PDB file of N, CA and C in Angstrom:
ATOM      1  N   MET A   1       0.860  -1.187   0.023  1.00  0.00           N
ATOM      2  CA  MET A   1       0.010  -0.029  -0.033  1.00  0.00           C
ATOM      3  C   MET A   1       0.898   1.232   0.000  1.00  0.00           C
ATOM      4  N   ASN A   2       0.700   2.087  -0.936  1.00  0.00           N
ATOM      5  CA  ASN A   2       1.451   3.322  -1.039  1.00  0.00           C
ATOM      6  C   ASN A   2       0.651   4.458  -0.394  1.00  0.00           C
ATOM      7  N   THR A   3       1.297   5.123   0.544  1.00  0.00           N
ATOM      8  CA  THR A   3       0.702   6.249   1.166  1.00  0.00           C
ATOM      9  C   THR A   3       1.269   7.521   0.640  1.00  0.00           C
ATOM     10  N   THR A   4       0.433   8.438   0.180  1.00  0.00           N
ATOM     11  CA  THR A   4       0.886   9.682  -0.355  1.00  0.00           C
ATOM     12  C   THR A   4       1.118  10.667   0.785  1.00  0.00           C
ATOM     13  N   PHE A   5       1.868  11.691   0.381  1.00  0.00           N
ATOM     14  CA  PHE A   5       2.122  12.778   1.358  1.00  0.00           C
ATOM     15  C   PHE A   5       0.833  13.361   1.868  1.00  0.00           C
ATOM     16  N   GLU A   6      -0.128  13.648   0.915  1.00  0.00           N
ATOM     17  CA  GLU A   6      -1.402  14.205   1.326  1.00  0.00           C
ATOM     18  C   GLU A   6      -2.156  13.302   2.281  1.00  0.00           C
ATOM     19  N   ASP A   7      -2.090  11.937   2.068  1.00  0.00           N
ATOM     20  CA  ASP A   7      -2.753  11.015   3.003  1.00  0.00           C
ATOM     21  C   ASP A   7      -2.139  11.085   4.361  1.00  0.00           C
ATOM     22  N   SER A   8      -0.821  11.208   4.446  1.00  0.00           N
ATOM     23  CA  SER A   8      -0.116  11.307   5.671  1.00  0.00           C
ATOM     24  C   SER A   8      -0.483  12.567   6.436  1.00  0.00           C
ATOM     25  N   VAL A   9      -0.576  13.702   5.716  1.00  0.00           N
ATOM     26  CA  VAL A   9      -0.913  14.945   6.330  1.00  0.00           C
ATOM     27  C   VAL A   9      -2.346  14.902   6.818  1.00  0.00           C
ATOM     28  N   MET A  10      -3.257  14.320   6.059  1.00  0.00           N
ATOM     29  CA  MET A  10      -4.644  14.197   6.487  1.00  0.00           C
ATOM     30  C   MET A  10      -4.745  13.313   7.697  1.00  0.00           C
ATOM     31  N   HIS A  11      -4.022  12.163   7.790  1.00  0.00           N
ATOM     32  CA  HIS A  11      -3.991  11.338   8.913  1.00  0.00           C
ATOM     33  C   HIS A  11      -3.508  12.073  10.158  1.00  0.00           C
ATOM     34  N   ALA A  12      -2.423  12.803  10.008  1.00  0.00           N
ATOM     35  CA  ALA A  12      -1.845  13.582  11.135  1.00  0.00           C
ATOM     36  C   ALA A  12      -2.863  14.601  11.594  1.00  0.00           C
ATOM     37  N   HIS A  13      -3.510  15.293  10.655  1.00  0.00           N
ATOM     38  CA  HIS A  13      -4.523  16.299  10.970  1.00  0.00           C
ATOM     39  C   HIS A  13      -5.688  15.682  11.776  1.00  0.00           C
ATOM     40  N   ASP A  14      -6.154  14.475  11.309  1.00  0.00           N
ATOM     41  CA  ASP A  14      -7.216  13.817  12.020  1.00  0.00           C
ATOM     42  C   ASP A  14      -6.808  13.390  13.407  1.00  0.00           C
ATOM     43  N   GLN A  15      -5.619  12.872  13.560  1.00  0.00           N
ATOM     44  CA  GLN A  15      -5.120  12.420  14.844  1.00  0.00           C
ATOM     45  C   GLN A  15      -4.951  13.628  15.852  1.00  0.00           C
ATOM     46  N   LEU A  16      -4.429  14.707  15.277  1.00  0.00           N
ATOM     47  CA  LEU A  16      -4.299  15.922  16.124  1.00  0.00           C
ATOM     48  C   LEU A  16      -5.635  16.483  16.550  1.00  0.00           C
ATOM     49  N   LYS A  17      -6.614  16.461  15.690  1.00  0.00           N
ATOM     50  CA  LYS A  17      -7.956  16.847  16.090  1.00  0.00           C
ATOM     51  C   LYS A  17      -8.551  16.042  17.168  1.00  0.00           C
ATOM     52  N   LEU A  18      -8.332  14.703  17.066  1.00  0.00           N
ATOM     53  CA  LEU A  18      -8.757  13.787  18.088  1.00  0.00           C
ATOM     54  C   LEU A  18      -8.123  14.062  19.402  1.00  0.00           C
ATOM     55  N   ALA A  19      -6.734  14.306  19.353  1.00  0.00           N
ATOM     56  CA  ALA A  19      -6.023  14.630  20.572  1.00  0.00           C
ATOM     57  C   ALA A  19      -6.475  15.893  21.202  1.00  0.00           C
ATOM     58  N   ARG A  20      -6.751  16.918  20.397  1.00  0.00           N
ATOM     59  CA  ARG A  20      -7.230  18.220  20.904  1.00  0.00           C
ATOM     60  C   ARG A  20      -8.609  18.025  21.546  1.00  0.00           C
ATOM     61  N   SER A  21      -9.461  17.268  20.868  1.00  0.00           N
ATOM     62  CA  SER A  21     -10.802  17.060  21.442  1.00  0.00           C
ATOM     63  C   SER A  21     -10.708  16.287  22.790  1.00  0.00           C
ATOM     64  N   SER A  22      -9.830  15.319  22.864  1.00  0.00           N
ATOM     65  CA  SER A  22      -9.673  14.590  24.129  1.00  0.00           C
ATOM     66  C   SER A  22      -9.144  15.517  25.216  1.00  0.00           C
ATOM     67  N   LEU A  23      -8.161  16.338  24.868  1.00  0.00           N
ATOM     68  CA  LEU A  23      -7.626  17.270  25.866  1.00  0.00           C
ATOM     69  C   LEU A  23      -8.708  18.306  26.292  1.00  0.00           C
ATOM     70  N   VAL A  24      -9.475  18.827  25.366  1.00  0.00           N
ATOM     71  CA  VAL A  24     -10.522  19.802  25.724  1.00  0.00           C
ATOM     72  C   VAL A  24     -11.465  19.113  26.709  1.00  0.00           C
ATOM     73  N   SER A  25     -11.863  17.873  26.410  1.00  0.00           N
ATOM     74  CA  SER A  25     -12.807  17.124  27.278  1.00  0.00           C
ATOM     75  C   SER A  25     -12.205  16.924  28.642  1.00  0.00           C
ATOM     76  N   GLU A  26     -10.898  16.522  28.691  1.00  0.00           N
ATOM     77  CA  GLU A  26     -10.261  16.289  29.963  1.00  0.00           C
ATOM     78  C   GLU A  26     -10.171  17.605  30.781  1.00  0.00           C
ATOM     79  N   ILE A  27      -9.879  18.711  30.142  1.00  0.00           N
ATOM     80  CA  ILE A  27      -9.735  20.008  30.802  1.00  0.00           C
ATOM     81  C   ILE A  27     -11.117  20.422  31.319  1.00  0.00           C
ATOM     82  N   LYS A  28     -12.151  20.203  30.491  1.00  0.00           N
ATOM     83  CA  LYS A  28     -13.517  20.580  30.878  1.00  0.00           C
ATOM     84  C   LYS A  28     -14.014  19.791  32.095  1.00  0.00           C
ATOM     85  N   ASN A  29     -13.633  18.534  32.158  1.00  0.00           N
ATOM     86  CA  ASN A  29     -14.076  17.686  33.263  1.00  0.00           C
ATOM     87  C   ASN A  29     -13.084  17.644  34.435  1.00  0.00           C
ATOM     88  N   TYR A  30     -12.010  18.426  34.365  1.00  0.00           N
ATOM     89  CA  TYR A  30     -11.005  18.394  35.410  1.00  0.00           C
ATOM     90  C   TYR A  30     -11.565  18.978  36.739  1.00  0.00           C
ATOM     91  N   PRO A  31     -11.337  18.303  37.871  1.00  0.00           N
ATOM     92  CA  PRO A  31     -11.899  18.826  39.090  1.00  0.00           C
ATOM     93  C   PRO A  31     -11.257  20.161  39.449  1.00  0.00           C
ATOM     94  N   THR A  32     -12.033  20.926  40.151  1.00  0.00           N
ATOM     95  CA  THR A  32     -11.566  22.275  40.539  1.00  0.00           C
ATOM     96  C   THR A  32     -10.281  22.122  41.404  1.00  0.00           C
ATOM     97  N   PRO A  33      -9.233  22.830  41.029  1.00  0.00           N
ATOM     98  CA  PRO A  33      -7.989  22.674  41.817  1.00  0.00           C
ATOM     99  C   PRO A  33      -8.171  23.268  43.216  1.00  0.00           C
ATOM    100  N   ILE A  34      -7.539  22.580  44.164  1.00  0.00           N
ATOM    101  CA  ILE A  34      -7.614  23.056  45.544  1.00  0.00           C
ATOM    102  C   ILE A  34      -6.519  24.121  45.798  1.00  0.00           C
ATOM    103  N   ALA A  35      -5.350  23.816  45.302  1.00  0.00           N
ATOM    104  CA  ALA A  35      -4.242  24.743  45.474  1.00  0.00           C
ATOM    105  C   ALA A  35      -4.261  25.816  44.358  1.00  0.00           C
ATOM    106  N   GLY A  36      -3.450  26.824  44.566  1.00  0.00           N
ATOM    107  CA  GLY A  36      -3.382  27.902  43.536  1.00  0.00           C
ATOM    108  C   GLY A  36      -2.576  27.428  42.312  1.00  0.00           C
ATOM    109  N   CYS A  37      -1.776  26.388  42.460  1.00  0.00           N
ATOM    110  CA  CYS A  37      -0.924  25.878  41.351  1.00  0.00           C
ATOM    111  C   CYS A  37      -1.255  24.406  41.179  1.00  0.00           C
ATOM    112  N   ASP A  38      -1.747  24.021  40.066  1.00  0.00           N
ATOM    113  CA  ASP A  38      -2.057  22.656  39.799  1.00  0.00           C
ATOM    114  C   ASP A  38      -1.217  22.225  38.574  1.00  0.00           C
ATOM    115  N   ALA A  39      -0.125  21.525  38.815  1.00  0.00           N
ATOM    116  CA  ALA A  39       0.817  21.180  37.722  1.00  0.00           C
ATOM    117  C   ALA A  39       0.139  20.304  36.669  1.00  0.00           C
ATOM    118  N   GLN A  40      -0.679  19.363  37.046  1.00  0.00           N
ATOM    119  CA  GLN A  40      -1.297  18.460  36.038  1.00  0.00           C
ATOM    120  C   GLN A  40      -2.241  19.240  35.152  1.00  0.00           C
ATOM    121  N   PHE A  41      -3.031  20.131  35.722  1.00  0.00           N
ATOM    122  CA  PHE A  41      -3.909  20.947  34.914  1.00  0.00           C
ATOM    123  C   PHE A  41      -3.113  21.844  33.971  1.00  0.00           C
ATOM    124  N   ASN A  42      -2.079  22.465  34.446  1.00  0.00           N
ATOM    125  CA  ASN A  42      -1.231  23.325  33.642  1.00  0.00           C
ATOM    126  C   ASN A  42      -0.611  22.489  32.518  1.00  0.00           C
ATOM    127  N   HIS A  43      -0.246  21.222  32.792  1.00  0.00           N
ATOM    128  CA  HIS A  43       0.273  20.409  31.728  1.00  0.00           C
ATOM    129  C   HIS A  43      -0.710  20.138  30.634  1.00  0.00           C
ATOM    130  N   LEU A  44      -1.973  19.881  31.023  1.00  0.00           N
ATOM    131  CA  LEU A  44      -3.020  19.704  30.056  1.00  0.00           C
ATOM    132  C   LEU A  44      -3.181  20.933  29.186  1.00  0.00           C
ATOM    133  N   ILE A  45      -3.151  22.147  29.749  1.00  0.00           N
ATOM    134  CA  ILE A  45      -3.244  23.338  28.993  1.00  0.00           C
ATOM    135  C   ILE A  45      -2.117  23.495  28.010  1.00  0.00           C
ATOM    136  N   GLU A  46      -0.884  23.183  28.461  1.00  0.00           N
ATOM    137  CA  GLU A  46       0.297  23.254  27.629  1.00  0.00           C
ATOM    138  C   GLU A  46       0.204  22.277  26.459  1.00  0.00           C
ATOM    139  N   GLU A  47      -0.278  21.086  26.765  1.00  0.00           N
ATOM    140  CA  GLU A  47      -0.375  20.019  25.710  1.00  0.00           C
ATOM    141  C   GLU A  47      -1.429  20.479  24.649  1.00  0.00           C
ATOM    142  N   LYS A  48      -2.488  21.100  25.114  1.00  0.00           N
ATOM    143  CA  LYS A  48      -3.546  21.582  24.183  1.00  0.00           C
ATOM    144  C   LYS A  48      -2.935  22.658  23.284  1.00  0.00           C
ATOM    145  N   ALA A  49      -2.127  23.515  23.851  1.00  0.00           N
ATOM    146  CA  ALA A  49      -1.499  24.565  23.071  1.00  0.00           C
ATOM    147  C   ALA A  49      -0.535  23.998  22.004  1.00  0.00           C
ATOM    148  N   ARG A  50       0.194  22.955  22.413  1.00  0.00           N
ATOM    149  CA  ARG A  50       1.104  22.287  21.492  1.00  0.00           C
ATOM    150  C   ARG A  50       0.373  21.601  20.341  1.00  0.00           C
ATOM    151  N   VAL A  51      -0.743  20.958  20.631  1.00  0.00           N
ATOM    152  CA  VAL A  51      -1.514  20.263  19.598  1.00  0.00           C
ATOM    153  C   VAL A  51      -2.107  21.300  18.665  1.00  0.00           C
ATOM    154  N   THR A  52      -2.630  22.419  19.224  1.00  0.00           N
ATOM    155  CA  THR A  52      -3.213  23.510  18.432  1.00  0.00           C
ATOM    156  C   THR A  52      -2.142  24.084  17.496  1.00  0.00           C
ATOM    157  N   ALA A  53      -0.933  24.293  18.018  1.00  0.00           N
ATOM    158  CA  ALA A  53       0.145  24.826  17.204  1.00  0.00           C
ATOM    159  C   ALA A  53       0.535  23.871  16.083  1.00  0.00           C
ATOM    160  N   ALA A  54       0.481  22.549  16.392  1.00  0.00           N
ATOM    161  CA  ALA A  54       0.809  21.575  15.329  1.00  0.00           C
ATOM    162  C   ALA A  54      -0.220  21.576  14.247  1.00  0.00           C
ATOM    163  N   LEU A  55      -1.488  21.705  14.663  1.00  0.00           N
ATOM    164  CA  LEU A  55      -2.577  21.780  13.658  1.00  0.00           C
ATOM    165  C   LEU A  55      -2.433  22.997  12.815  1.00  0.00           C
ATOM    166  N   ALA A  56      -2.054  24.157  13.394  1.00  0.00           N
ATOM    167  CA  ALA A  56      -1.878  25.356  12.644  1.00  0.00           C
ATOM    168  C   ALA A  56      -0.703  25.217  11.671  1.00  0.00           C
ATOM    169  N   ALA A  57       0.317  24.530  12.099  1.00  0.00           N
ATOM    170  CA  ALA A  57       1.459  24.324  11.214  1.00  0.00           C
ATOM    171  C   ALA A  57       1.071  23.447   9.995  1.00  0.00           C
ATOM    172  N   LEU A  58       0.242  22.466  10.228  1.00  0.00           N
ATOM    173  CA  LEU A  58      -0.227  21.611   9.097  1.00  0.00           C
ATOM    174  C   LEU A  58      -1.128  22.385   8.151  1.00  0.00           C
ATOM    175  N   ASN A  59      -1.813  23.422   8.612  1.00  0.00           N
ATOM    176  CA  ASN A  59      -2.703  24.192   7.747  1.00  0.00           C
ATOM    177  C   ASN A  59      -2.046  25.314   7.054  1.00  0.00           C
ATOM    178  N   ARG A  60      -0.759  25.649   7.472  1.00  0.00           N
ATOM    179  CA  ARG A  60      -0.034  26.749   6.770  1.00  0.00           C
ATOM    180  C   ARG A  60       0.354  26.304   5.438  1.00  0.00           C
ATOM    181  N   PRO A  61       0.389  27.223   4.450  1.00  0.00           N
ATOM    182  CA  PRO A  61       0.852  26.858   3.123  1.00  0.00           C
ATOM    183  C   PRO A  61       2.365  26.486   3.194  1.00  0.00           C
ATOM    184  N   ILE A  62       2.743  25.584   2.348  1.00  0.00           N
ATOM    185  CA  ILE A  62       4.140  25.146   2.293  1.00  0.00           C
ATOM    186  C   ILE A  62       4.916  26.150   1.460  1.00  0.00           C
ATOM    187  N   PHE A  63       5.994  26.673   2.008  1.00  0.00           N
ATOM    188  CA  PHE A  63       6.836  27.539   1.262  1.00  0.00           C
ATOM    189  C   PHE A  63       7.998  26.740   0.672  1.00  0.00           C
ATOM    190  N   THR A  64       8.149  26.817  -0.645  1.00  0.00           N
ATOM    191  CA  THR A  64       9.244  26.157  -1.307  1.00  0.00           C
ATOM    192  C   THR A  64      10.022  27.188  -1.994  1.00  0.00           C
ATOM    193  N   PRO A  65      11.280  27.410  -1.539  1.00  0.00           N
ATOM    194  CA  PRO A  65      12.125  28.407  -2.177  1.00  0.00           C
ATOM    195  C   PRO A  65      12.564  27.910  -3.507  1.00  0.00           C
ATOM    196  N   THR A  66      12.564  28.846  -4.447  1.00  0.00           N
ATOM    197  CA  THR A  66      12.967  28.472  -5.814  1.00  0.00           C
ATOM    198  C   THR A  66      14.183  29.314  -6.194  1.00  0.00           C
ATOM    199  N   PRO A  67      15.028  28.714  -7.017  1.00  0.00           N
ATOM    200  CA  PRO A  67      16.239  29.524  -7.378  1.00  0.00           C
ATOM    201  C   PRO A  67      15.814  30.710  -8.302  1.00  0.00           C
ATOM    202  N   ARG A  68      16.518  31.737  -8.109  1.00  0.00           N
ATOM    203  CA  ARG A  68      16.221  32.934  -8.954  1.00  0.00           C
ATOM    204  C   ARG A  68      17.522  33.277  -9.769  1.00  0.00           C
ATOM    205  N   GLN A  69      17.297  33.724 -10.984  1.00  0.00           N
ATOM    206  CA  GLN A  69      18.384  34.157 -11.809  1.00  0.00           C
ATOM    207  C   GLN A  69      18.364  35.636 -11.966  1.00  0.00           C
ATOM    208  N   LEU A  70      19.478  36.235 -11.782  1.00  0.00           N
ATOM    209  CA  LEU A  70      19.616  37.694 -11.953  1.00  0.00           C
ATOM    210  C   LEU A  70      19.772  37.997 -13.419  1.00  0.00           C
ATOM    211  N   SER A  71      18.984  38.981 -13.901  1.00  0.00           N
ATOM    212  CA  SER A  71      19.205  39.351 -15.299  1.00  0.00           C
ATOM    213  C   SER A  71      20.319  40.387 -15.313  1.00  0.00           C
ATOM    214  N   VAL A  72      21.181  40.200 -16.304  1.00  0.00           N
ATOM    215  CA  VAL A  72      22.332  41.059 -16.415  1.00  0.00           C
ATOM    216  C   VAL A  72      22.166  42.092 -17.491  1.00  0.00           C
TER     217      VAL A  72
END
């Protein structure tokens, strides 16, 4: 089975969306922290930000530099 680049990107996109959905659900259902600093909750927020950044990176257009020739 040959997997194309586009298929791989779509699979990554789908998996990242699932991860983000799971993190959002976990954050939503997280019990109210007792202390002012909750490391596990903060970790969930950081992971959600990383997944969101990865999704944004997949959605950005690909820049391919091309050689230029100077006219003399």
